[in-house]
PDB file of N, CA and C in Angstrom:
ATOM      1  N   MET A   1     -38.263 -72.435-139.844  1.00  0.00           N
ATOM      2  CA  MET A   1     -39.438 -72.043-139.109  1.00  0.00           C
ATOM      3  C   MET A   1     -40.020 -70.807-139.783  1.00  0.00           C
ATOM      4  N   THR A   2     -41.315 -70.805-139.954  1.00  0.00           N
ATOM      5  CA  THR A   2     -41.967 -69.663-140.594  1.00  0.00           C
ATOM      6  C   THR A   2     -42.076 -68.517-139.587  1.00  0.00           C
ATOM      7  N   PRO A   3     -42.272 -67.306-140.109  1.00  0.00           N
ATOM      8  CA  PRO A   3     -42.442 -66.168-139.186  1.00  0.00           C
ATOM      9  C   PRO A   3     -43.617 -66.377-138.218  1.00  0.00           C
ATOM     10  N   GLU A   4     -44.669 -67.008-138.694  1.00  0.00           N
ATOM     11  CA  GLU A   4     -45.832 -67.267-137.824  1.00  0.00           C
ATOM     12  C   GLU A   4     -45.457 -68.242-136.702  1.00  0.00           C
ATOM     13  N   GLN A   5     -44.687 -69.284-137.041  1.00  0.00           N
ATOM     14  CA  GLN A   5     -44.244 -70.249-136.036  1.00  0.00           C
ATOM     15  C   GLN A   5     -43.294 -69.597-135.033  1.00  0.00           C
ATOM     16  N   GLU A   6     -42.432 -68.721-135.542  1.00  0.00           N
ATOM     17  CA  GLU A   6     -41.520 -68.000-134.654  1.00  0.00           C
ATOM     18  C   GLU A   6     -42.293 -67.139-133.657  1.00  0.00           C
ATOM     19  N   LYS A   7     -43.342 -66.487-134.154  1.00  0.00           N
ATOM     20  CA  LYS A   7     -44.170 -65.634-133.294  1.00  0.00           C
ATOM     21  C   LYS A   7     -44.877 -66.484-132.229  1.00  0.00           C
ATOM     22  N   ILE A   8     -45.403 -67.628-132.596  1.00  0.00           N
ATOM     23  CA  ILE A   8     -46.062 -68.525-131.648  1.00  0.00           C
ATOM     24  C   ILE A   8     -45.060 -69.006-130.601  1.00  0.00           C
ATOM     25  N   TYR A   9     -43.865 -69.383-131.047  1.00  0.00           N
ATOM     26  CA  TYR A   9     -42.819 -69.839-130.137  1.00  0.00           C
ATOM     27  C   TYR A   9     -42.439 -68.724-129.169  1.00  0.00           C
ATOM     28  N   GLU A  10     -42.224 -67.523-129.703  1.00  0.00           N
ATOM     29  CA  GLU A  10     -41.830 -66.384-128.871  1.00  0.00           C
ATOM     30  C   GLU A  10     -42.916 -66.050-127.848  1.00  0.00           C
ATOM     31  N   ASP A  11     -44.166 -66.035-128.282  1.00  0.00           N
ATOM     32  CA  ASP A  11     -45.274 -65.755-127.368  1.00  0.00           C
ATOM     33  C   ASP A  11     -45.337 -66.803-126.250  1.00  0.00           C
ATOM     34  N   GLY A  12     -45.150 -68.059-126.614  1.00  0.00           N
ATOM     35  CA  GLY A  12     -45.162 -69.129-125.608  1.00  0.00           C
ATOM     36  C   GLY A  12     -44.003 -69.006-124.645  1.00  0.00           C
ATOM     37  N   PHE A  13     -42.846 -68.697-125.172  1.00  0.00           N
ATOM     38  CA  PHE A  13     -41.661 -68.524-124.332  1.00  0.00           C
ATOM     39  C   PHE A  13     -41.871 -67.381-123.339  1.00  0.00           C
ATOM     40  N   LEU A  14     -42.349 -66.237-123.831  1.00  0.00           N
ATOM     41  CA  LEU A  14     -42.572 -65.082-122.959  1.00  0.00           C
ATOM     42  C   LEU A  14     -43.643 -65.371-121.912  1.00  0.00           C
ATOM     43  N   ALA A  15     -44.697 -66.084-122.295  1.00  0.00           N
ATOM     44  CA  ALA A  15     -45.742 -66.450-121.333  1.00  0.00           C
ATOM     45  C   ALA A  15     -45.169 -67.354-120.247  1.00  0.00           C
ATOM     46  N   GLY A  16     -44.304 -68.271-120.625  1.00  0.00           N
ATOM     47  CA  GLY A  16     -43.665 -69.152-119.657  1.00  0.00           C
ATOM     48  C   GLY A  16     -42.766 -68.386-118.707  1.00  0.00           C
ATOM     49  N   GLN A  17     -41.999 -67.440-119.225  1.00  0.00           N
ATOM     50  CA  GLN A  17     -41.135 -66.615-118.385  1.00  0.00           C
ATOM     51  C   GLN A  17     -41.957 -65.779-117.403  1.00  0.00           C
ATOM     52  N   GLU A  18     -43.054 -65.224-117.890  1.00  0.00           N
ATOM     53  CA  GLU A  18     -43.932 -64.432-117.020  1.00  0.00           C
ATOM     54  C   GLU A  18     -44.491 -65.297-115.890  1.00  0.00           C
ATOM     55  N   GLN A  19     -44.885 -66.527-116.213  1.00  0.00           N
ATOM     56  CA  GLN A  19     -45.420 -67.438-115.205  1.00  0.00           C
ATOM     57  C   GLN A  19     -44.355 -67.787-114.160  1.00  0.00           C
ATOM     58  N   LEU A  20     -43.124 -68.003-114.607  1.00  0.00           N
ATOM     59  CA  LEU A  20     -42.037 -68.285-113.664  1.00  0.00           C
ATOM     60  C   LEU A  20     -41.803 -67.124-112.705  1.00  0.00           C
ATOM     61  N   ILE A  21     -41.837 -65.913-113.228  1.00  0.00           N
ATOM     62  CA  ILE A  21     -41.629 -64.728-112.399  1.00  0.00           C
ATOM     63  C   ILE A  21     -42.756 -64.597-111.375  1.00  0.00           C
ATOM     64  N   LYS A  22     -43.997 -64.744-111.829  1.00  0.00           N
ATOM     65  CA  LYS A  22     -45.141 -64.651-110.914  1.00  0.00           C
ATOM     66  C   LYS A  22     -45.050 -65.711-109.820  1.00  0.00           C
ATOM     67  N   SER A  23     -44.675 -66.915-110.195  1.00  0.00           N
ATOM     68  CA  SER A  23     -44.556 -68.013-109.239  1.00  0.00           C
ATOM     69  C   SER A  23     -43.469 -67.715-108.208  1.00  0.00           C
ATOM     70  N   SER A  24     -42.341 -67.199-108.662  1.00  0.00           N
ATOM     71  CA  SER A  24     -41.245 -66.867-107.748  1.00  0.00           C
ATOM     72  C   SER A  24     -41.652 -65.780-106.775  1.00  0.00           C
ATOM     73  N   VAL A  25     -42.319 -64.760-107.264  1.00  0.00           N
ATOM     74  CA  VAL A  25     -42.774 -63.667-106.405  1.00  0.00           C
ATOM     75  C   VAL A  25     -43.791 -64.194-105.399  1.00  0.00           C
ATOM     76  N   HIS A  26     -44.711 -65.017-105.856  1.00  0.00           N
ATOM     77  CA  HIS A  26     -45.732 -65.587-104.973  1.00  0.00           C
ATOM     78  C   HIS A  26     -45.085 -66.398-103.849  1.00  0.00           C
ATOM     79  N   ARG A  27     -44.113 -67.241-104.189  1.00  0.00           N
ATOM     80  CA  ARG A  27     -43.424 -68.046-103.166  1.00  0.00           C
ATOM     81  C   ARG A  27     -42.697 -67.145-102.163  1.00  0.00           C
ATOM     82  N   ALA A  28     -42.041 -66.110-102.647  1.00  0.00           N
ATOM     83  CA  ALA A  28     -41.298 -65.211-101.761  1.00  0.00           C
ATOM     84  C   ALA A  28     -42.241 -64.478-100.808  1.00  0.00           C
ATOM     85  N   VAL A  29     -43.359 -64.007-101.323  1.00  0.00           N
ATOM     86  CA  VAL A  29     -44.325 -63.300-100.485  1.00  0.00           C
ATOM     87  C   VAL A  29     -44.910 -64.243 -99.439  1.00  0.00           C
ATOM     88  N   ASN A  30     -45.226 -65.464 -99.825  1.00  0.00           N
ATOM     89  CA  ASN A  30     -45.773 -66.431 -98.871  1.00  0.00           C
ATOM     90  C   ASN A  30     -44.767 -66.772 -97.791  1.00  0.00           C
ATOM     91  N   ARG A  31     -43.502 -66.904 -98.142  1.00  0.00           N
ATOM     92  CA  ARG A  31     -42.477 -67.189 -97.139  1.00  0.00           C
ATOM     93  C   ARG A  31     -42.373 -66.045 -96.136  1.00  0.00           C
ATOM     94  N   MET A  32     -42.435 -64.823 -96.622  1.00  0.00           N
ATOM     95  CA  MET A  32     -42.353 -63.671 -95.731  1.00  0.00           C
ATOM     96  C   MET A  32     -43.562 -63.641 -94.798  1.00  0.00           C
ATOM     97  N   ALA A  33     -44.732 -63.962 -95.318  1.00  0.00           N
ATOM     98  CA  ALA A  33     -45.947 -63.929 -94.511  1.00  0.00           C
ATOM     99  C   ALA A  33     -45.932 -65.014 -93.437  1.00  0.00           C
ATOM    100  N   GLN A  34     -45.221 -66.094 -93.641  1.00  0.00           N
ATOM    101  CA  GLN A  34     -45.201 -67.200 -92.704  1.00  0.00           C
ATOM    102  C   GLN A  34     -44.169 -67.030 -91.595  1.00  0.00           C
ATOM    103  N   ARG A  35     -43.318 -66.062 -91.721  1.00  0.00           N
ATOM    104  CA  ARG A  35     -42.296 -65.865 -90.693  1.00  0.00           C
ATOM    105  C   ARG A  35     -42.957 -65.373 -89.420  1.00  0.00           C
ATOM    106  N   THR A  36     -42.476 -65.860 -88.295  1.00  0.00           N
ATOM    107  CA  THR A  36     -42.983 -65.394 -87.020  1.00  0.00           C
ATOM    108  C   THR A  36     -42.116 -64.253 -86.520  1.00  0.00           C
ATOM    109  N   TRP A  37     -42.733 -63.407 -85.739  1.00  0.00           N
ATOM    110  CA  TRP A  37     -42.035 -62.254 -85.204  1.00  0.00           C
ATOM    111  C   TRP A  37     -40.960 -62.695 -84.233  1.00  0.00           C
ATOM    112  N   VAL A  38     -39.803 -62.124 -84.357  1.00  0.00           N
ATOM    113  CA  VAL A  38     -38.709 -62.375 -83.420  1.00  0.00           C
ATOM    114  C   VAL A  38     -38.339 -61.028 -82.821  1.00  0.00           C
ATOM    115  N   GLY A  39     -38.629 -60.873 -81.555  1.00  0.00           N
ATOM    116  CA  GLY A  39     -38.320 -59.622 -80.874  1.00  0.00           C
ATOM    117  C   GLY A  39     -36.918 -59.646 -80.295  1.00  0.00           C
ATOM    118  N   LEU A  40     -36.600 -58.607 -79.569  1.00  0.00           N
ATOM    119  CA  LEU A  40     -35.296 -58.511 -78.935  1.00  0.00           C
ATOM    120  C   LEU A  40     -35.251 -59.396 -77.692  1.00  0.00           C
ATOM    121  N   THR A  41     -34.104 -59.987 -77.445  1.00  0.00           N
ATOM    122  CA  THR A  41     -33.922 -60.762 -76.226  1.00  0.00           C
ATOM    123  C   THR A  41     -33.664 -59.798 -75.067  1.00  0.00           C
ATOM    124  N   ASP A  42     -33.797 -60.297 -73.847  1.00  0.00           N
ATOM    125  CA  ASP A  42     -33.499 -59.461 -72.679  1.00  0.00           C
ATOM    126  C   ASP A  42     -32.049 -58.982 -72.722  1.00  0.00           C
ATOM    127  N   GLU A  43     -31.163 -59.852 -73.171  1.00  0.00           N
ATOM    128  CA  GLU A  43     -29.746 -59.476 -73.265  1.00  0.00           C
ATOM    129  C   GLU A  43     -29.545 -58.346 -74.279  1.00  0.00           C
ATOM    130  N   GLU A  44     -30.223 -58.436 -75.422  1.00  0.00           N
ATOM    131  CA  GLU A  44     -30.105 -57.377 -76.426  1.00  0.00           C
ATOM    132  C   GLU A  44     -30.667 -56.065 -75.899  1.00  0.00           C
ATOM    133  N   ARG A  45     -31.786 -56.148 -75.200  1.00  0.00           N
ATOM    134  CA  ARG A  45     -32.369 -54.935 -74.621  1.00  0.00           C
ATOM    135  C   ARG A  45     -31.416 -54.322 -73.601  1.00  0.00           C
ATOM    136  N   SER A  46     -30.837 -55.156 -72.760  1.00  0.00           N
ATOM    137  CA  SER A  46     -29.940 -54.670 -71.710  1.00  0.00           C
ATOM    138  C   SER A  46     -28.696 -54.006 -72.282  1.00  0.00           C
ATOM    139  N   SER A  47     -28.298 -54.418 -73.476  1.00  0.00           N
ATOM    140  CA  SER A  47     -27.088 -53.844 -74.064  1.00  0.00           C
ATOM    141  C   SER A  47     -27.249 -52.364 -74.392  1.00  0.00           C
ATOM    142  N   PHE A  48     -28.490 -51.876 -74.462  1.00  0.00           N
ATOM    143  CA  PHE A  48     -28.737 -50.461 -74.751  1.00  0.00           C
ATOM    144  C   PHE A  48     -28.778 -49.604 -73.485  1.00  0.00           C
ATOM    145  N   TRP A  49     -28.978 -50.231 -72.366  1.00  0.00           N
ATOM    146  CA  TRP A  49     -29.224 -49.506 -71.120  1.00  0.00           C
ATOM    147  C   TRP A  49     -27.939 -49.049 -70.460  1.00  0.00           C
ATOM    148  N   THR A  50     -27.953 -47.800 -70.045  1.00  0.00           N
ATOM    149  CA  THR A  50     -26.876 -47.297 -69.191  1.00  0.00           C
ATOM    150  C   THR A  50     -27.528 -46.486 -68.077  1.00  0.00           C
ATOM    151  N   ALA A  51     -26.944 -46.498 -66.930  1.00  0.00           N
ATOM    152  CA  ALA A  51     -27.539 -45.880 -65.741  1.00  0.00           C
ATOM    153  C   ALA A  51     -27.753 -44.378 -65.890  1.00  0.00           C
ATOM    154  N   ASP A  52     -26.953 -43.713 -66.704  1.00  0.00           N
ATOM    155  CA  ASP A  52     -27.081 -42.260 -66.799  1.00  0.00           C
ATOM    156  C   ASP A  52     -28.134 -41.813 -67.820  1.00  0.00           C
ATOM    157  N   GLN A  53     -28.799 -42.763 -68.455  1.00  0.00           N
ATOM    158  CA  GLN A  53     -29.815 -42.383 -69.440  1.00  0.00           C
ATOM    159  C   GLN A  53     -31.208 -42.607 -68.860  1.00  0.00           C
ATOM    160  N   MET A  54     -31.786 -43.734 -69.163  1.00  0.00           N
ATOM    161  CA  MET A  54     -33.133 -44.064 -68.703  1.00  0.00           C
ATOM    162  C   MET A  54     -33.049 -45.246 -67.751  1.00  0.00           C
ATOM    163  N   THR A  55     -34.090 -45.403 -66.948  1.00  0.00           N
ATOM    164  CA  THR A  55     -34.118 -46.575 -66.075  1.00  0.00           C
ATOM    165  C   THR A  55     -34.380 -47.814 -66.922  1.00  0.00           C
ATOM    166  N   HIS A  56     -34.071 -48.956 -66.369  1.00  0.00           N
ATOM    167  CA  HIS A  56     -34.301 -50.217 -67.089  1.00  0.00           C
ATOM    168  C   HIS A  56     -35.785 -50.368 -67.424  1.00  0.00           C
ATOM    169  N   LYS A  57     -36.655 -49.968 -66.503  1.00  0.00           N
ATOM    170  CA  LYS A  57     -38.105 -50.049 -66.735  1.00  0.00           C
ATOM    171  C   LYS A  57     -38.511 -49.144 -67.904  1.00  0.00           C
ATOM    172  N   GLU A  58     -37.947 -47.947 -67.953  1.00  0.00           N
ATOM    173  CA  GLU A  58     -38.270 -47.027 -69.054  1.00  0.00           C
ATOM    174  C   GLU A  58     -37.813 -47.597 -70.399  1.00  0.00           C
ATOM    175  N   TRP A  59     -36.624 -48.235 -70.420  1.00  0.00           N
ATOM    176  CA  TRP A  59     -36.160 -48.869 -71.654  1.00  0.00           C
ATOM    177  C   TRP A  59     -37.104 -49.990 -72.061  1.00  0.00           C
ATOM    178  N   ASP A  60     -37.531 -50.830 -71.108  1.00  0.00           N
ATOM    179  CA  ASP A  60     -38.465 -51.918 -71.414  1.00  0.00           C
ATOM    180  C   ASP A  60     -39.760 -51.384 -72.006  1.00  0.00           C
ATOM    181  N   GLU A  61     -40.280 -50.319 -71.409  1.00  0.00           N
ATOM    182  CA  GLU A  61     -41.511 -49.712 -71.929  1.00  0.00           C
ATOM    183  C   GLU A  61     -41.310 -49.184 -73.347  1.00  0.00           C
ATOM    184  N   LEU A  62     -40.170 -48.562 -73.581  1.00  0.00           N
ATOM    185  CA  LEU A  62     -39.862 -48.038 -74.913  1.00  0.00           C
ATOM    186  C   LEU A  62     -39.758 -49.172 -75.936  1.00  0.00           C
ATOM    187  N   PHE A  63     -38.996 -50.226 -75.604  1.00  0.00           N
ATOM    188  CA  PHE A  63     -38.859 -51.355 -76.528  1.00  0.00           C
ATOM    189  C   PHE A  63     -40.195 -52.036 -76.784  1.00  0.00           C
ATOM    190  N   ASN A  64     -41.005 -52.197 -75.751  1.00  0.00           N
ATOM    191  CA  ASN A  64     -42.319 -52.823 -75.935  1.00  0.00           C
ATOM    192  C   ASN A  64     -43.184 -52.008 -76.880  1.00  0.00           C
ATOM    193  N   ALA A  65     -43.141 -50.692 -76.742  1.00  0.00           N
ATOM    194  CA  ALA A  65     -43.923 -49.828 -77.625  1.00  0.00           C
ATOM    195  C   ALA A  65     -43.416 -49.919 -79.072  1.00  0.00           C
ATOM    196  N   ILE A  66     -42.103 -49.937 -79.240  1.00  0.00           N
ATOM    197  CA  ILE A  66     -41.517 -50.057 -80.586  1.00  0.00           C
ATOM    198  C   ILE A  66     -41.895 -51.393 -81.208  1.00  0.00           C
ATOM    199  N   GLU A  67     -41.742 -52.486 -80.459  1.00  0.00           N
ATOM    200  CA  GLU A  67     -42.082 -53.817 -80.993  1.00  0.00           C
ATOM    201  C   GLU A  67     -43.571 -53.916 -81.318  1.00  0.00           C
ATOM    202  N   ALA A  68     -44.441 -53.342 -80.499  1.00  0.00           N
ATOM    203  CA  ALA A  68     -45.874 -53.380 -80.776  1.00  0.00           C
ATOM    204  C   ALA A  68     -46.193 -52.670 -82.092  1.00  0.00           C
ATOM    205  N   LYS A  69     -45.558 -51.532 -82.307  1.00  0.00           N
ATOM    206  CA  LYS A  69     -45.783 -50.780 -83.548  1.00  0.00           C
ATOM    207  C   LYS A  69     -45.260 -51.569 -84.754  1.00  0.00           C
ATOM    208  N   LEU A  70     -44.087 -52.185 -84.617  1.00  0.00           N
ATOM    209  CA  LEU A  70     -43.535 -52.982 -85.715  1.00  0.00           C
ATOM    210  C   LEU A  70     -44.419 -54.189 -86.025  1.00  0.00           C
ATOM    211  N   LYS A  71     -44.970 -54.820 -84.998  1.00  0.00           N
ATOM    212  CA  LYS A  71     -45.877 -55.949 -85.222  1.00  0.00           C
ATOM    213  C   LYS A  71     -47.103 -55.503 -85.997  1.00  0.00           C
ATOM    214  N   ASP A  72     -47.655 -54.342 -85.608  1.00  0.00           N
ATOM    215  CA  ASP A  72     -48.825 -53.806 -86.333  1.00  0.00           C
ATOM    216  C   ASP A  72     -48.509 -53.566 -87.803  1.00  0.00           C
ATOM    217  N   LYS A  73     -47.337 -53.022 -88.060  1.00  0.00           N
ATOM    218  CA  LYS A  73     -46.960 -52.687 -89.429  1.00  0.00           C
ATOM    219  C   LYS A  73     -46.610 -53.910 -90.271  1.00  0.00           C
ATOM    220  N   ASN A  74     -46.190 -55.005 -89.611  1.00  0.00           N
ATOM    221  CA  ASN A  74     -45.714 -56.173 -90.342  1.00  0.00           C
ATOM    222  C   ASN A  74     -46.686 -57.344 -90.347  1.00  0.00           C
ATOM    223  N   THR A  75     -47.883 -57.154 -89.865  1.00  0.00           N
ATOM    224  CA  THR A  75     -48.872 -58.236 -89.907  1.00  0.00           C
ATOM    225  C   THR A  75     -50.113 -57.783 -90.610  1.00  0.00           C
TER     226      THR A  75
END
């Protein structure tokens, strides 16, 4: 193979690798964008609550505010 042919082969190989990387990144980003939000279950929320801290209503308000902020940041 001549040096010119080697250069053409190398350029083609690198272009193909770059395309594969871009395609993989694109697929990963699209998958992340398609995920739906999954919040905490009532059971998970209740696991944080203890009577000597906040009322159950106060915990619910806190979790709702946290989830709302996370939704804003992730959509």
